Protein backbone atom coordinates (compact mmCIF):
# COMPACT_ATOMS: atom_id res chain seq x y z
CA MET A 1 3.35 -15.61 2.34
CA ALA A 2 1.92 -12.25 1.29
CA TYR A 3 3.29 -10.57 -1.81
CA GLN A 4 3.57 -6.80 -2.19
CA LEU A 5 3.93 -4.16 -4.85
CA VAL A 6 5.51 -0.97 -3.53
CA VAL A 7 5.30 2.05 -5.82
CA LEU A 8 7.51 5.05 -5.04
CA TYR A 9 6.26 8.10 -6.94
CA HIS A 10 8.88 10.71 -7.76
CA HIS A 11 8.08 14.37 -7.17
CA PRO A 12 5.77 15.70 -9.91
CA GLU A 13 6.04 19.14 -11.45
CA ASN A 14 2.48 19.91 -10.34
CA ALA A 15 1.78 18.20 -7.01
CA GLU A 16 -1.83 19.43 -6.86
CA ALA A 17 -2.70 17.97 -10.29
CA PHE A 18 -0.87 14.74 -9.43
CA ASP A 19 -2.74 14.33 -6.13
CA LYS A 20 -6.09 15.06 -7.75
CA HIS A 21 -5.54 12.46 -10.47
CA TYR A 22 -4.14 9.91 -8.03
CA ASP A 23 -6.99 10.28 -5.55
CA GLU A 24 -9.86 10.55 -8.03
CA THR A 25 -8.72 8.29 -10.88
CA HIS A 26 -5.69 6.11 -10.20
CA ALA A 27 -6.44 4.90 -6.67
CA PRO A 28 -9.96 3.77 -7.63
CA LEU A 29 -8.49 1.89 -10.63
CA ALA A 30 -5.89 0.16 -8.48
CA ALA A 31 -8.44 -0.62 -5.76
CA ARG A 32 -10.31 -2.79 -8.29
CA LEU A 33 -7.38 -5.17 -8.81
CA PRO A 34 -8.67 -8.69 -8.26
CA GLY A 35 -7.16 -10.40 -5.24
CA LEU A 36 -6.00 -7.15 -3.63
CA ARG A 37 -5.98 -7.68 0.16
CA ALA A 38 -4.68 -4.31 1.36
CA TYR A 39 -3.84 -0.98 -0.24
CA THR A 40 -2.15 1.81 1.71
CA VAL A 41 -0.89 5.20 0.60
CA MET A 42 1.53 7.50 2.37
CA ARG A 43 2.52 11.02 1.47
CA PRO A 44 5.89 11.36 3.21
CA ALA A 45 6.37 14.35 5.47
CA ALA A 46 9.38 16.59 5.19
CA GLY A 47 11.91 16.06 7.95
CA ARG A 48 13.85 18.98 9.37
CA GLY A 49 12.91 21.16 6.43
CA GLU A 50 14.21 18.64 3.91
CA ARG A 51 12.16 17.43 0.96
CA PRO A 52 11.19 13.77 1.29
CA ALA A 53 12.74 11.38 -1.20
CA TYR A 54 9.34 10.60 -2.76
CA HIS A 55 6.04 12.40 -3.22
CA LEU A 56 3.84 9.37 -2.56
CA VAL A 57 4.33 5.73 -1.58
CA ALA A 58 1.70 3.09 -2.34
CA VAL A 59 1.78 -0.45 -0.96
CA LEU A 60 -0.51 -3.07 -2.48
CA THR A 61 -0.70 -6.47 -0.82
CA PHE A 62 -1.83 -9.76 -2.35
CA ASP A 63 -2.08 -13.26 -0.88
CA ASP A 64 0.87 -14.52 -2.93
CA GLN A 65 2.85 -13.99 -6.12
CA ASP A 66 0.34 -15.91 -8.22
CA ALA A 67 -2.46 -13.57 -7.11
CA PHE A 68 -0.27 -10.55 -7.88
CA ASN A 69 0.64 -11.88 -11.34
CA ALA A 70 -2.99 -12.62 -12.15
CA ALA A 71 -4.10 -9.15 -11.04
CA MET A 72 -1.44 -7.31 -13.00
CA SER A 73 -1.95 -9.32 -16.19
CA GLY A 74 -5.71 -8.83 -16.16
CA GLU A 75 -7.77 -5.96 -17.52
CA GLU A 76 -7.69 -3.98 -14.25
CA GLY A 77 -3.91 -4.31 -13.92
CA ARG A 78 -3.29 -3.23 -17.49
CA ALA A 79 -5.59 -0.21 -17.00
CA ALA A 80 -3.81 0.85 -13.81
CA VAL A 81 -0.38 0.57 -15.43
CA ALA A 82 -1.54 2.45 -18.53
CA ASP A 83 -2.93 5.24 -16.34
CA LEU A 84 0.55 6.01 -14.97
CA ALA A 85 1.33 7.85 -18.21
CA ASP A 86 -1.54 10.25 -17.48
CA PHE A 87 -0.14 11.65 -14.23
CA ALA A 88 3.20 10.13 -13.15
CA GLY A 89 5.46 11.83 -15.68
CA ALA A 90 8.21 12.31 -13.10
CA GLY A 91 8.51 8.55 -12.89
CA THR A 92 8.09 5.77 -10.39
CA THR A 93 10.22 3.13 -8.79
CA MET A 94 8.41 -0.18 -8.35
CA LEU A 95 9.44 -2.98 -6.03
CA THR A 96 7.78 -6.38 -5.72
CA GLY A 97 8.41 -9.33 -3.48
CA PRO A 98 7.32 -11.52 -0.61
CA ALA A 99 6.40 -9.61 2.53
CA GLY A 100 6.42 -10.73 6.11
CA THR A 101 5.50 -9.12 9.40
CA VAL A 102 8.29 -8.30 11.85
CA LEU A 103 6.13 -7.21 14.80
């Protein structure tokens, strides 16, 4: 069964600087994680004039938990986690677990 890391990025003070760093630095770092099978990013849209709960949502998919653990404990995983301090000062919420397809 696939295994996912979901990262919910809280709203930064400077959205433009956050987006620039994420797109130009962090995403390329994360994309190099060994065993990564899929990597999607969503910037939630405001609904009915309300601010979305998160600024950005990233979903990284691996074949299984062992592949995820290996990726995150390796050089690329450590670099991606360390990079969070450079742009995600507002914080993140991270969720991991097995993922299945409903439809």
